[in-house]
Amino acid sequence: MEMVRAFLNSIAVAFDLPILDWIRANLQSPLMDKIMPIITLFGDGGIFWIAFAVLLICIPKTRRIGLGMGFAMIMGLLICNVTLKPLVARIRPYDLQEELGVIINLLVERQHDYSFPSGHTIASFEASVVLLKNNKLLGVPAFILAIAIAFSRLYLYVHYPTDVIVSVILGTIFALLGDALAKKIPVRKKGKYEA
């Protein structure tokens, strides 16, 4: 794992940090400084997406969509948060900057876990891709929100771009798997079970 961390740090210095610094230099504004911490809250612990999935499960017509979101988020939790984060143990970009002698003034509290992958981004893409695949009316705004949450993690300097890129890919894969799994489960509708 030391080799992986060294590799990720070299990518961070060559690729990630210049992008984060460009965002900070060119896109930061008082308005965005107020909006981004609010947007990122929608990804905290996946609570917003979990609540939305539970709501959909309670409605017979949307039960499979909610189940697909739930299955996807369970996969993301186990593979990414429980396994990959502690295994890779990538420090946050502001911590790396401090090691390099640069102090980053954060707009949010310091995070207490590792950086790779981004749990906010994975949960958001798991949920929004399932929604987008099954219900455009719900899926389009959910997908826009997922993109905004992913960007907020960069704007707030709490994730590297490579964290977010990998998380978008993994979240989309888990969404497709969760959706496929949900479609195999019989769901009760109008007093009978339908495959």
N, C-alpha and C. Protein backbone atom coordinates (compact mmCIF):
# COMPACT_ATOMS: atom_id res chain seq x y z
N MET A 1 0.81 -1.21 0.00
CA MET A 1 0.00 0.00 0.00
C MET A 1 0.84 1.27 0.00
N GLU A 2 2.06 1.17 0.54
CA GLU A 2 2.94 2.35 0.53
C GLU A 2 3.24 2.80 -0.90
N MET A 3 3.41 1.84 -1.80
CA MET A 3 3.65 2.17 -3.21
C MET A 3 2.45 2.86 -3.81
N VAL A 4 1.24 2.39 -3.46
CA VAL A 4 0.01 3.01 -3.97
C VAL A 4 -0.10 4.44 -3.47
N ARG A 5 0.17 4.64 -2.17
CA ARG A 5 0.09 5.99 -1.61
C ARG A 5 1.12 6.92 -2.25
N ALA A 6 2.32 6.42 -2.47
CA ALA A 6 3.36 7.23 -3.12
C ALA A 6 2.94 7.60 -4.54
N PHE A 7 2.34 6.64 -5.25
CA PHE A 7 1.85 6.88 -6.61
C PHE A 7 0.75 7.94 -6.59
N LEU A 8 -0.20 7.80 -5.65
CA LEU A 8 -1.29 8.77 -5.55
C LEU A 8 -0.77 10.17 -5.19
N ASN A 9 0.24 10.23 -4.34
CA ASN A 9 0.82 11.54 -4.00
C ASN A 9 1.50 12.18 -5.20
N SER A 10 2.15 11.36 -6.03
CA SER A 10 2.79 11.93 -7.23
C SER A 10 1.73 12.44 -8.21
N ILE A 11 0.62 11.71 -8.33
CA ILE A 11 -0.49 12.18 -9.18
C ILE A 11 -1.08 13.47 -8.59
N ALA A 12 -1.19 13.50 -7.27
CA ALA A 12 -1.75 14.68 -6.61
C ALA A 12 -0.94 15.92 -6.93
N VAL A 13 0.37 15.81 -6.84
CA VAL A 13 1.23 16.98 -7.08
C VAL A 13 1.21 17.38 -8.55
N ALA A 14 1.22 16.40 -9.44
CA ALA A 14 1.30 16.69 -10.87
C ALA A 14 -0.05 17.07 -11.49
N PHE A 15 -1.14 16.50 -10.98
CA PHE A 15 -2.45 16.64 -11.64
C PHE A 15 -3.50 17.27 -10.73
N ASP A 16 -3.70 16.68 -9.55
CA ASP A 16 -4.82 17.07 -8.69
C ASP A 16 -4.70 18.47 -8.10
N LEU A 17 -3.58 18.74 -7.43
CA LEU A 17 -3.44 20.03 -6.75
C LEU A 17 -3.50 21.22 -7.70
N PRO A 18 -2.89 21.13 -8.91
CA PRO A 18 -3.04 22.26 -9.84
C PRO A 18 -4.50 22.54 -10.21
N ILE A 19 -5.31 21.49 -10.34
CA ILE A 19 -6.74 21.69 -10.65
C ILE A 19 -7.45 22.35 -9.47
N LEU A 20 -7.21 21.83 -8.27
CA LEU A 20 -7.83 22.42 -7.08
C LEU A 20 -7.42 23.88 -6.91
N ASP A 21 -6.15 24.16 -7.15
CA ASP A 21 -5.67 25.54 -7.03
C ASP A 21 -6.27 26.44 -8.11
N TRP A 22 -6.48 25.90 -9.32
CA TRP A 22 -7.12 26.66 -10.39
C TRP A 22 -8.56 27.00 -10.01
N ILE A 23 -9.29 26.02 -9.46
CA ILE A 23 -10.66 26.26 -9.01
C ILE A 23 -10.68 27.37 -7.97
N ARG A 24 -9.77 27.26 -7.02
CA ARG A 24 -9.70 28.24 -5.93
C ARG A 24 -9.37 29.64 -6.48
N ALA A 25 -8.46 29.71 -7.44
CA ALA A 25 -8.02 31.02 -7.97
C ALA A 25 -9.04 31.63 -8.92
N ASN A 26 -9.79 30.79 -9.65
CA ASN A 26 -10.64 31.32 -10.72
C ASN A 26 -12.14 31.24 -10.47
N LEU A 27 -12.60 30.35 -9.62
CA LEU A 27 -14.03 30.16 -9.43
C LEU A 27 -14.53 30.57 -8.05
N GLN A 28 -13.61 30.79 -7.13
CA GLN A 28 -14.02 31.13 -5.77
C GLN A 28 -14.63 32.53 -5.73
N SER A 29 -15.75 32.64 -5.01
CA SER A 29 -16.41 33.92 -4.83
C SER A 29 -17.19 33.87 -3.52
N PRO A 30 -17.56 35.04 -2.97
CA PRO A 30 -18.34 35.03 -1.72
C PRO A 30 -19.65 34.25 -1.86
N LEU A 31 -20.32 34.37 -3.01
CA LEU A 31 -21.58 33.64 -3.23
C LEU A 31 -21.33 32.13 -3.24
N MET A 32 -20.33 31.69 -4.00
CA MET A 32 -20.01 30.26 -4.06
C MET A 32 -19.54 29.74 -2.70
N ASP A 33 -18.85 30.58 -1.95
CA ASP A 33 -18.40 30.19 -0.61
C ASP A 33 -19.58 29.90 0.32
N LYS A 34 -20.73 30.53 0.04
CA LYS A 34 -21.93 30.28 0.85
C LYS A 34 -22.71 29.07 0.30
N ILE A 35 -22.77 28.94 -1.03
CA ILE A 35 -23.58 27.89 -1.66
C ILE A 35 -22.95 26.50 -1.53
N MET A 36 -21.65 26.39 -1.78
CA MET A 36 -21.02 25.08 -1.83
C MET A 36 -21.09 24.28 -0.52
N PRO A 37 -20.91 24.91 0.65
CA PRO A 37 -21.07 24.12 1.88
C PRO A 37 -22.49 23.59 2.07
N ILE A 38 -23.49 24.31 1.53
CA ILE A 38 -24.87 23.83 1.61
C ILE A 38 -25.09 22.67 0.65
N ILE A 39 -24.61 22.80 -0.58
CA ILE A 39 -24.77 21.73 -1.56
C ILE A 39 -24.10 20.45 -1.07
N THR A 40 -22.93 20.56 -0.49
CA THR A 40 -22.20 19.36 -0.05
C THR A 40 -22.95 18.61 1.05
N LEU A 41 -23.80 19.33 1.81
CA LEU A 41 -24.58 18.69 2.87
C LEU A 41 -25.51 17.61 2.34
N PHE A 42 -25.95 17.76 1.09
CA PHE A 42 -26.85 16.76 0.49
C PHE A 42 -26.16 15.41 0.30
N GLY A 43 -24.84 15.39 0.38
CA GLY A 43 -24.10 14.13 0.25
C GLY A 43 -23.63 13.57 1.59
N ASP A 44 -23.79 14.33 2.68
CA ASP A 44 -23.29 13.90 3.99
C ASP A 44 -23.88 12.56 4.41
N GLY A 45 -23.04 11.56 4.52
CA GLY A 45 -23.46 10.24 4.96
C GLY A 45 -24.47 9.58 4.05
N GLY A 46 -24.73 10.16 2.90
CA GLY A 46 -25.73 9.62 1.99
C GLY A 46 -27.15 9.73 2.53
N ILE A 47 -27.34 10.48 3.62
CA ILE A 47 -28.64 10.52 4.32
C ILE A 47 -29.76 11.00 3.40
N PHE A 48 -29.51 12.06 2.64
CA PHE A 48 -30.54 12.57 1.72
C PHE A 48 -30.97 11.50 0.73
N TRP A 49 -29.98 10.82 0.14
CA TRP A 49 -30.27 9.79 -0.86
C TRP A 49 -30.92 8.57 -0.23
N ILE A 50 -30.50 8.20 0.97
CA ILE A 50 -31.11 7.07 1.67
C ILE A 50 -32.58 7.37 1.97
N ALA A 51 -32.84 8.57 2.48
CA ALA A 51 -34.22 8.96 2.78
C ALA A 51 -35.08 8.94 1.52
N PHE A 52 -34.51 9.41 0.42
CA PHE A 52 -35.25 9.42 -0.85
C PHE A 52 -35.55 8.00 -1.31
N ALA A 53 -34.56 7.10 -1.16
CA ALA A 53 -34.77 5.69 -1.54
C ALA A 53 -35.86 5.06 -0.69
N VAL A 54 -35.83 5.33 0.63
CA VAL A 54 -36.86 4.77 1.53
C VAL A 54 -38.25 5.28 1.13
N LEU A 55 -38.35 6.55 0.80
CA LEU A 55 -39.62 7.12 0.35
C LEU A 55 -40.12 6.39 -0.90
N LEU A 56 -39.23 6.16 -1.86
CA LEU A 56 -39.62 5.47 -3.09
C LEU A 56 -40.02 4.02 -2.82
N ILE A 57 -39.37 3.37 -1.88
CA ILE A 57 -39.71 1.99 -1.52
C ILE A 57 -41.13 1.93 -0.93
N CYS A 58 -41.53 2.97 -0.24
CA CYS A 58 -42.86 3.00 0.39
C CYS A 58 -43.99 3.18 -0.62
N ILE A 59 -43.67 3.61 -1.82
CA ILE A 59 -44.68 3.82 -2.87
C ILE A 59 -44.60 2.64 -3.84
N PRO A 60 -45.68 1.83 -3.94
CA PRO A 60 -45.62 0.63 -4.79
C PRO A 60 -45.12 0.88 -6.22
N LYS A 61 -45.54 1.98 -6.82
CA LYS A 61 -45.17 2.27 -8.21
C LYS A 61 -43.66 2.51 -8.39
N THR A 62 -43.00 3.01 -7.34
CA THR A 62 -41.57 3.34 -7.45
C THR A 62 -40.69 2.42 -6.59
N ARG A 63 -41.29 1.35 -6.07
CA ARG A 63 -40.56 0.48 -5.13
C ARG A 63 -39.26 -0.06 -5.72
N ARG A 64 -39.30 -0.52 -6.97
CA ARG A 64 -38.08 -1.08 -7.57
C ARG A 64 -36.97 -0.03 -7.71
N ILE A 65 -37.35 1.19 -8.00
CA ILE A 65 -36.35 2.26 -8.12
C ILE A 65 -35.67 2.46 -6.76
N GLY A 66 -36.48 2.55 -5.71
CA GLY A 66 -35.93 2.71 -4.36
C GLY A 66 -35.04 1.55 -3.96
N LEU A 67 -35.46 0.33 -4.31
CA LEU A 67 -34.64 -0.85 -4.01
C LEU A 67 -33.32 -0.79 -4.77
N GLY A 68 -33.38 -0.39 -6.04
CA GLY A 68 -32.15 -0.26 -6.84
C GLY A 68 -31.19 0.73 -6.22
N MET A 69 -31.73 1.87 -5.77
CA MET A 69 -30.89 2.87 -5.11
C MET A 69 -30.28 2.29 -3.83
N GLY A 70 -31.12 1.58 -3.06
CA GLY A 70 -30.65 0.99 -1.81
C GLY A 70 -29.55 -0.03 -2.02
N PHE A 71 -29.74 -0.93 -2.99
CA PHE A 71 -28.73 -1.94 -3.28
C PHE A 71 -27.42 -1.29 -3.72
N ALA A 72 -27.53 -0.28 -4.57
CA ALA A 72 -26.33 0.42 -5.06
C ALA A 72 -25.58 1.07 -3.90
N MET A 73 -26.32 1.73 -3.01
CA MET A 73 -25.67 2.43 -1.90
C MET A 73 -25.05 1.46 -0.89
N ILE A 74 -25.66 0.30 -0.72
CA ILE A 74 -25.06 -0.72 0.16
C ILE A 74 -23.74 -1.21 -0.42
N MET A 75 -23.71 -1.45 -1.74
CA MET A 75 -22.46 -1.85 -2.39
C MET A 75 -21.39 -0.78 -2.21
N GLY A 76 -21.77 0.48 -2.44
CA GLY A 76 -20.82 1.59 -2.29
C GLY A 76 -20.28 1.70 -0.88
N LEU A 77 -21.17 1.53 0.08
CA LEU A 77 -20.75 1.61 1.48
C LEU A 77 -19.72 0.53 1.80
N LEU A 78 -20.02 -0.71 1.42
CA LEU A 78 -19.14 -1.84 1.77
C LEU A 78 -17.82 -1.80 1.01
N ILE A 79 -17.89 -1.53 -0.29
CA ILE A 79 -16.68 -1.59 -1.11
C ILE A 79 -15.83 -0.33 -0.94
N CYS A 80 -16.48 0.82 -0.92
CA CYS A 80 -15.71 2.07 -0.91
C CYS A 80 -15.41 2.57 0.50
N ASN A 81 -16.46 2.79 1.30
CA ASN A 81 -16.22 3.38 2.62
C ASN A 81 -15.59 2.41 3.60
N VAL A 82 -16.08 1.16 3.61
CA VAL A 82 -15.58 0.19 4.59
C VAL A 82 -14.25 -0.42 4.15
N THR A 83 -14.08 -0.65 2.85
CA THR A 83 -12.88 -1.36 2.36
C THR A 83 -11.82 -0.43 1.79
N LEU A 84 -12.15 0.33 0.74
CA LEU A 84 -11.14 1.11 0.04
C LEU A 84 -10.57 2.28 0.85
N LYS A 85 -11.43 3.04 1.52
CA LYS A 85 -10.93 4.22 2.26
C LYS A 85 -9.81 3.85 3.24
N PRO A 86 -10.06 2.89 4.17
CA PRO A 86 -8.97 2.57 5.11
C PRO A 86 -7.80 1.82 4.46
N LEU A 87 -8.08 1.08 3.39
CA LEU A 87 -7.02 0.32 2.74
C LEU A 87 -6.05 1.24 2.01
N VAL A 88 -6.58 2.18 1.24
CA VAL A 88 -5.73 3.11 0.49
C VAL A 88 -5.18 4.19 1.42
N ALA A 89 -6.00 4.65 2.36
CA ALA A 89 -5.59 5.64 3.38
C ALA A 89 -4.94 6.89 2.76
N ARG A 90 -5.58 7.44 1.76
CA ARG A 90 -5.08 8.66 1.11
C ARG A 90 -5.45 9.87 1.95
N ILE A 91 -4.46 10.69 2.28
CA ILE A 91 -4.74 11.88 3.09
C ILE A 91 -5.47 12.92 2.23
N ARG A 92 -6.16 13.81 2.91
CA ARG A 92 -6.94 14.85 2.23
C ARG A 92 -6.00 15.84 1.54
N PRO A 93 -6.49 16.52 0.49
CA PRO A 93 -5.61 17.46 -0.23
C PRO A 93 -5.09 18.59 0.64
N TYR A 94 -5.91 19.08 1.58
CA TYR A 94 -5.42 20.16 2.44
C TYR A 94 -4.32 19.66 3.37
N ASP A 95 -4.38 18.37 3.76
CA ASP A 95 -3.31 17.80 4.59
C ASP A 95 -2.01 17.67 3.78
N LEU A 96 -2.14 17.24 2.53
CA LEU A 96 -0.95 17.14 1.67
C LEU A 96 -0.34 18.52 1.45
N GLN A 97 -1.19 19.52 1.23
CA GLN A 97 -0.69 20.88 1.05
C GLN A 97 0.07 21.35 2.30
N GLU A 98 -0.46 21.00 3.48
CA GLU A 98 0.24 21.38 4.72
C GLU A 98 1.61 20.72 4.80
N GLU A 99 1.69 19.45 4.36
CA GLU A 99 2.99 18.77 4.32
C GLU A 99 3.94 19.47 3.37
N LEU A 100 3.38 20.12 2.33
CA LEU A 100 4.19 20.84 1.35
C LEU A 100 4.42 22.30 1.77
N GLY A 101 3.90 22.67 2.95
CA GLY A 101 4.12 24.02 3.47
C GLY A 101 3.09 25.05 3.08
N VAL A 102 1.93 24.60 2.56
CA VAL A 102 0.87 25.52 2.14
C VAL A 102 -0.33 25.32 3.05
N ILE A 103 -0.84 26.40 3.62
CA ILE A 103 -2.01 26.32 4.49
C ILE A 103 -3.26 26.66 3.67
N ILE A 104 -4.25 25.77 3.71
CA ILE A 104 -5.50 25.97 3.00
C ILE A 104 -6.58 26.35 4.02
N ASN A 105 -7.20 27.49 3.82
CA ASN A 105 -8.31 27.91 4.69
C ASN A 105 -9.59 27.23 4.20
N LEU A 106 -10.11 26.33 5.02
CA LEU A 106 -11.28 25.55 4.63
C LEU A 106 -12.58 26.29 4.97
N LEU A 107 -13.61 26.03 4.15
CA LEU A 107 -14.94 26.58 4.38
C LEU A 107 -15.82 25.63 5.18
N VAL A 108 -15.34 24.42 5.37
CA VAL A 108 -16.05 23.39 6.14
C VAL A 108 -15.09 22.82 7.18
N GLU A 109 -15.64 22.03 8.09
CA GLU A 109 -14.78 21.40 9.10
C GLU A 109 -13.84 20.40 8.43
N ARG A 110 -12.70 20.19 9.06
CA ARG A 110 -11.77 19.18 8.58
C ARG A 110 -12.44 17.82 8.65
N GLN A 111 -12.20 17.01 7.65
CA GLN A 111 -12.80 15.68 7.58
C GLN A 111 -12.01 14.71 8.48
N HIS A 112 -12.70 13.71 9.01
CA HIS A 112 -12.07 12.79 9.95
C HIS A 112 -11.81 11.41 9.37
N ASP A 113 -11.93 11.29 8.06
CA ASP A 113 -11.62 10.02 7.42
C ASP A 113 -10.70 10.29 6.23
N TYR A 114 -10.39 9.24 5.48
CA TYR A 114 -9.48 9.38 4.34
C TYR A 114 -10.19 9.93 3.11
N SER A 115 -9.39 10.27 2.12
CA SER A 115 -9.89 11.00 0.96
C SER A 115 -10.41 10.11 -0.17
N PHE A 116 -9.80 8.96 -0.37
CA PHE A 116 -10.13 8.14 -1.55
C PHE A 116 -10.93 6.91 -1.16
N PRO A 117 -12.09 6.69 -1.79
CA PRO A 117 -12.80 7.55 -2.75
C PRO A 117 -13.71 8.54 -2.03
N SER A 118 -14.46 9.33 -2.81
CA SER A 118 -15.37 10.32 -2.24
C SER A 118 -16.72 9.68 -1.97
N GLY A 119 -17.05 9.50 -0.70
CA GLY A 119 -18.34 8.91 -0.33
C GLY A 119 -19.51 9.76 -0.77
N HIS A 120 -19.38 11.09 -0.67
CA HIS A 120 -20.44 11.99 -1.13
C HIS A 120 -20.75 11.76 -2.60
N THR A 121 -19.68 11.67 -3.40
CA THR A 121 -19.85 11.52 -4.85
C THR A 121 -20.41 10.16 -5.20
N ILE A 122 -19.88 9.11 -4.59
CA ILE A 122 -20.36 7.76 -4.89
C ILE A 122 -21.84 7.63 -4.58
N ALA A 123 -22.25 8.01 -3.37
CA ALA A 123 -23.67 7.90 -2.99
C ALA A 123 -24.56 8.70 -3.94
N SER A 124 -24.10 9.89 -4.31
CA SER A 124 -24.90 10.76 -5.18
C SER A 124 -25.07 10.16 -6.57
N PHE A 125 -24.01 9.57 -7.11
CA PHE A 125 -24.11 8.98 -8.44
C PHE A 125 -24.83 7.63 -8.41
N GLU A 126 -24.67 6.87 -7.35
CA GLU A 126 -25.44 5.62 -7.23
C GLU A 126 -26.93 5.93 -7.29
N ALA A 127 -27.36 6.86 -6.47
CA ALA A 127 -28.79 7.19 -6.40
C ALA A 127 -29.29 7.86 -7.67
N SER A 128 -28.56 8.86 -8.15
CA SER A 128 -29.06 9.64 -9.29
C SER A 128 -29.06 8.85 -10.60
N VAL A 129 -28.09 7.97 -10.77
CA VAL A 129 -28.06 7.17 -12.01
C VAL A 129 -29.21 6.17 -12.03
N VAL A 130 -29.51 5.55 -10.88
CA VAL A 130 -30.69 4.67 -10.82
C VAL A 130 -31.95 5.46 -11.16
N LEU A 131 -32.08 6.65 -10.57
CA LEU A 131 -33.25 7.49 -10.86
C LEU A 131 -33.29 7.88 -12.34
N LEU A 132 -32.17 8.30 -12.88
CA LEU A 132 -32.10 8.74 -14.28
C LEU A 132 -32.47 7.60 -15.23
N LYS A 133 -32.05 6.39 -14.88
CA LYS A 133 -32.32 5.22 -15.73
C LYS A 133 -33.80 4.85 -15.74
N ASN A 134 -34.50 5.14 -14.65
CA ASN A 134 -35.88 4.66 -14.50
C ASN A 134 -36.95 5.74 -14.54
N ASN A 135 -36.58 6.99 -14.26
CA ASN A 135 -37.58 8.05 -14.17
C ASN A 135 -36.89 9.39 -14.47
N LYS A 136 -37.01 9.85 -15.70
CA LYS A 136 -36.31 11.07 -16.11
C LYS A 136 -36.75 12.29 -15.29
N LEU A 137 -38.05 12.34 -14.94
CA LEU A 137 -38.56 13.49 -14.20
C LEU A 137 -37.84 13.65 -12.86
N LEU A 138 -37.57 12.56 -12.18
CA LEU A 138 -36.81 12.60 -10.93
C LEU A 138 -35.31 12.55 -11.20
N GLY A 139 -34.93 11.81 -12.23
CA GLY A 139 -33.53 11.54 -12.50
C GLY A 139 -32.72 12.73 -12.96
N VAL A 140 -33.29 13.58 -13.80
CA VAL A 140 -32.52 14.73 -14.32
C VAL A 140 -32.13 15.69 -13.20
N PRO A 141 -33.08 16.15 -12.35
CA PRO A 141 -32.64 17.03 -11.25
C PRO A 141 -31.71 16.33 -10.27
N ALA A 142 -31.94 15.03 -10.03
CA ALA A 142 -31.07 14.28 -9.12
C ALA A 142 -29.65 14.20 -9.68
N PHE A 143 -29.54 14.00 -10.99
CA PHE A 143 -28.23 13.90 -11.64
C PHE A 143 -27.51 15.26 -11.59
N ILE A 144 -28.25 16.33 -11.81
CA ILE A 144 -27.66 17.68 -11.71
C ILE A 144 -27.17 17.93 -10.29
N LEU A 145 -27.97 17.52 -9.30
CA LEU A 145 -27.55 17.67 -7.90
C LEU A 145 -26.30 16.83 -7.63
N ALA A 146 -26.23 15.62 -8.16
CA ALA A 146 -25.05 14.76 -7.97
C ALA A 146 -23.80 15.42 -8.53
N ILE A 147 -23.91 16.02 -9.70
CA ILE A 147 -22.77 16.73 -10.30
C ILE A 147 -22.36 17.91 -9.41
N ALA A 148 -23.35 18.64 -8.91
CA ALA A 148 -23.06 19.79 -8.02
C ALA A 148 -22.37 19.33 -6.74
N ILE A 149 -22.83 18.20 -6.18
CA ILE A 149 -22.21 17.68 -4.95
C ILE A 149 -20.77 17.27 -5.24
N ALA A 150 -20.55 16.57 -6.35
CA ALA A 150 -19.18 16.16 -6.71
C ALA A 150 -18.28 17.38 -6.87
N PHE A 151 -18.78 18.41 -7.55
CA PHE A 151 -17.97 19.63 -7.72
C PHE A 151 -17.72 20.31 -6.38
N SER A 152 -18.72 20.28 -5.49
CA SER A 152 -18.54 20.93 -4.18
C SER A 152 -17.38 20.34 -3.41
N ARG A 153 -17.12 19.04 -3.60
CA ARG A 153 -16.02 18.39 -2.89
C ARG A 153 -14.67 18.94 -3.35
N LEU A 154 -14.61 19.33 -4.64
CA LEU A 154 -13.39 19.95 -5.18
C LEU A 154 -13.30 21.40 -4.73
N TYR A 155 -14.41 22.12 -4.86
CA TYR A 155 -14.43 23.54 -4.49
C TYR A 155 -14.02 23.72 -3.03
N LEU A 156 -14.49 22.82 -2.18
CA LEU A 156 -14.21 22.91 -0.74
C LEU A 156 -12.83 22.36 -0.36
N TYR A 157 -12.11 21.84 -1.35
CA TYR A 157 -10.73 21.37 -1.18
C TYR A 157 -10.63 20.16 -0.25
N VAL A 158 -11.70 19.34 -0.22
CA VAL A 158 -11.68 18.16 0.66
C VAL A 158 -11.45 16.86 -0.09
N HIS A 159 -11.45 16.92 -1.44
CA HIS A 159 -11.15 15.75 -2.26
C HIS A 159 -10.30 16.16 -3.46
N TYR A 160 -9.51 15.20 -3.92
CA TYR A 160 -8.74 15.38 -5.15
C TYR A 160 -9.66 15.11 -6.35
N PRO A 161 -9.37 15.73 -7.51
CA PRO A 161 -10.13 15.39 -8.71
C PRO A 161 -10.12 13.89 -9.02
N THR A 162 -8.98 13.22 -8.81
CA THR A 162 -8.95 11.77 -9.09
C THR A 162 -9.88 11.00 -8.15
N ASP A 163 -10.04 11.45 -6.90
CA ASP A 163 -11.02 10.83 -5.99
C ASP A 163 -12.41 10.91 -6.61
N VAL A 164 -12.75 12.10 -7.09
CA VAL A 164 -14.10 12.35 -7.61
C VAL A 164 -14.33 11.60 -8.92
N ILE A 165 -13.33 11.60 -9.81
CA ILE A 165 -13.47 10.90 -11.09
C ILE A 165 -13.71 9.41 -10.86
N VAL A 166 -12.88 8.79 -10.02
CA VAL A 166 -13.04 7.36 -9.72
C VAL A 166 -14.39 7.11 -9.05
N SER A 167 -14.81 8.02 -8.19
CA SER A 167 -16.07 7.87 -7.48
C SER A 167 -17.27 7.96 -8.41
N VAL A 168 -17.21 8.83 -9.41
CA VAL A 168 -18.28 8.91 -10.42
C VAL A 168 -18.38 7.59 -11.16
N ILE A 169 -17.24 7.03 -11.55
CA ILE A 169 -17.23 5.76 -12.28
C ILE A 169 -17.78 4.63 -11.41
N LEU A 170 -17.27 4.52 -10.18
CA LEU A 170 -17.73 3.46 -9.28
C LEU A 170 -19.21 3.63 -8.93
N GLY A 171 -19.63 4.85 -8.65
CA GLY A 171 -21.03 5.10 -8.34
C GLY A 171 -21.95 4.71 -9.47
N THR A 172 -21.53 4.98 -10.70
CA THR A 172 -22.33 4.61 -11.87
C THR A 172 -22.39 3.09 -12.02
N ILE A 173 -21.26 2.41 -11.83
CA ILE A 173 -21.23 0.93 -11.91
C ILE A 173 -22.15 0.33 -10.85
N PHE A 174 -22.04 0.81 -9.60
CA PHE A 174 -22.89 0.27 -8.53
C PHE A 174 -24.36 0.56 -8.81
N ALA A 175 -24.66 1.72 -9.40
CA ALA A 175 -26.05 2.06 -9.74
C ALA A 175 -26.60 1.06 -10.75
N LEU A 176 -25.83 0.75 -11.78
CA LEU A 176 -26.30 -0.20 -12.80
C LEU A 176 -26.48 -1.60 -12.21
N LEU A 177 -25.55 -2.00 -11.34
CA LEU A 177 -25.66 -3.31 -10.68
C LEU A 177 -26.86 -3.34 -9.73
N GLY A 178 -27.02 -2.30 -8.93
CA GLY A 178 -28.14 -2.22 -8.00
C GLY A 178 -29.48 -2.23 -8.71
N ASP A 179 -29.56 -1.50 -9.81
CA ASP A 179 -30.79 -1.45 -10.60
C ASP A 179 -31.10 -2.82 -11.20
N ALA A 180 -30.08 -3.49 -11.72
CA ALA A 180 -30.29 -4.83 -12.30
C ALA A 180 -30.74 -5.82 -11.22
N LEU A 181 -30.15 -5.72 -10.05
CA LEU A 181 -30.52 -6.61 -8.94
C LEU A 181 -31.96 -6.35 -8.50
N ALA A 182 -32.35 -5.10 -8.41
CA ALA A 182 -33.72 -4.75 -8.00
C ALA A 182 -34.75 -5.29 -8.98
N LYS A 183 -34.40 -5.34 -10.25
CA LYS A 183 -35.35 -5.82 -11.28
C LYS A 183 -35.55 -7.33 -11.21
N LYS A 184 -34.68 -8.03 -10.48
CA LYS A 184 -34.82 -9.49 -10.34
C LYS A 184 -35.68 -9.87 -9.14
N ILE A 185 -36.02 -8.89 -8.30
CA ILE A 185 -36.78 -9.18 -7.08
C ILE A 185 -38.26 -8.95 -7.33
N PRO A 186 -39.10 -9.95 -6.99
CA PRO A 186 -40.55 -9.74 -7.14
C PRO A 186 -41.02 -8.65 -6.20
N VAL A 187 -41.84 -7.74 -6.71
CA VAL A 187 -42.36 -6.62 -5.93
C VAL A 187 -43.87 -6.72 -5.88
N ARG A 188 -44.44 -6.53 -4.68
CA ARG A 188 -45.88 -6.63 -4.52
C ARG A 188 -46.56 -5.37 -5.04
N LYS A 189 -47.48 -5.57 -5.98
CA LYS A 189 -48.27 -4.47 -6.52
C LYS A 189 -49.73 -4.92 -6.59
N LYS A 190 -50.64 -4.11 -6.09
CA LYS A 190 -52.07 -4.37 -6.15
C LYS A 190 -52.42 -5.77 -5.66
N GLY A 191 -51.83 -6.16 -4.52
CA GLY A 191 -52.18 -7.42 -3.90
C GLY A 191 -51.53 -8.64 -4.49
N LYS A 192 -50.69 -8.50 -5.51
CA LYS A 192 -50.00 -9.66 -6.08
C LYS A 192 -48.56 -9.32 -6.34
N TYR A 193 -47.73 -10.35 -6.48
CA TYR A 193 -46.31 -10.15 -6.74
C TYR A 193 -46.05 -10.17 -8.23
N GLU A 194 -45.23 -9.21 -8.67
CA GLU A 194 -44.84 -9.14 -10.08
C GLU A 194 -43.33 -9.26 -10.16
N ALA A 195 -42.88 -10.03 -11.14
CA ALA A 195 -41.44 -10.22 -11.32
C ALA A 195 -40.82 -8.99 -11.91
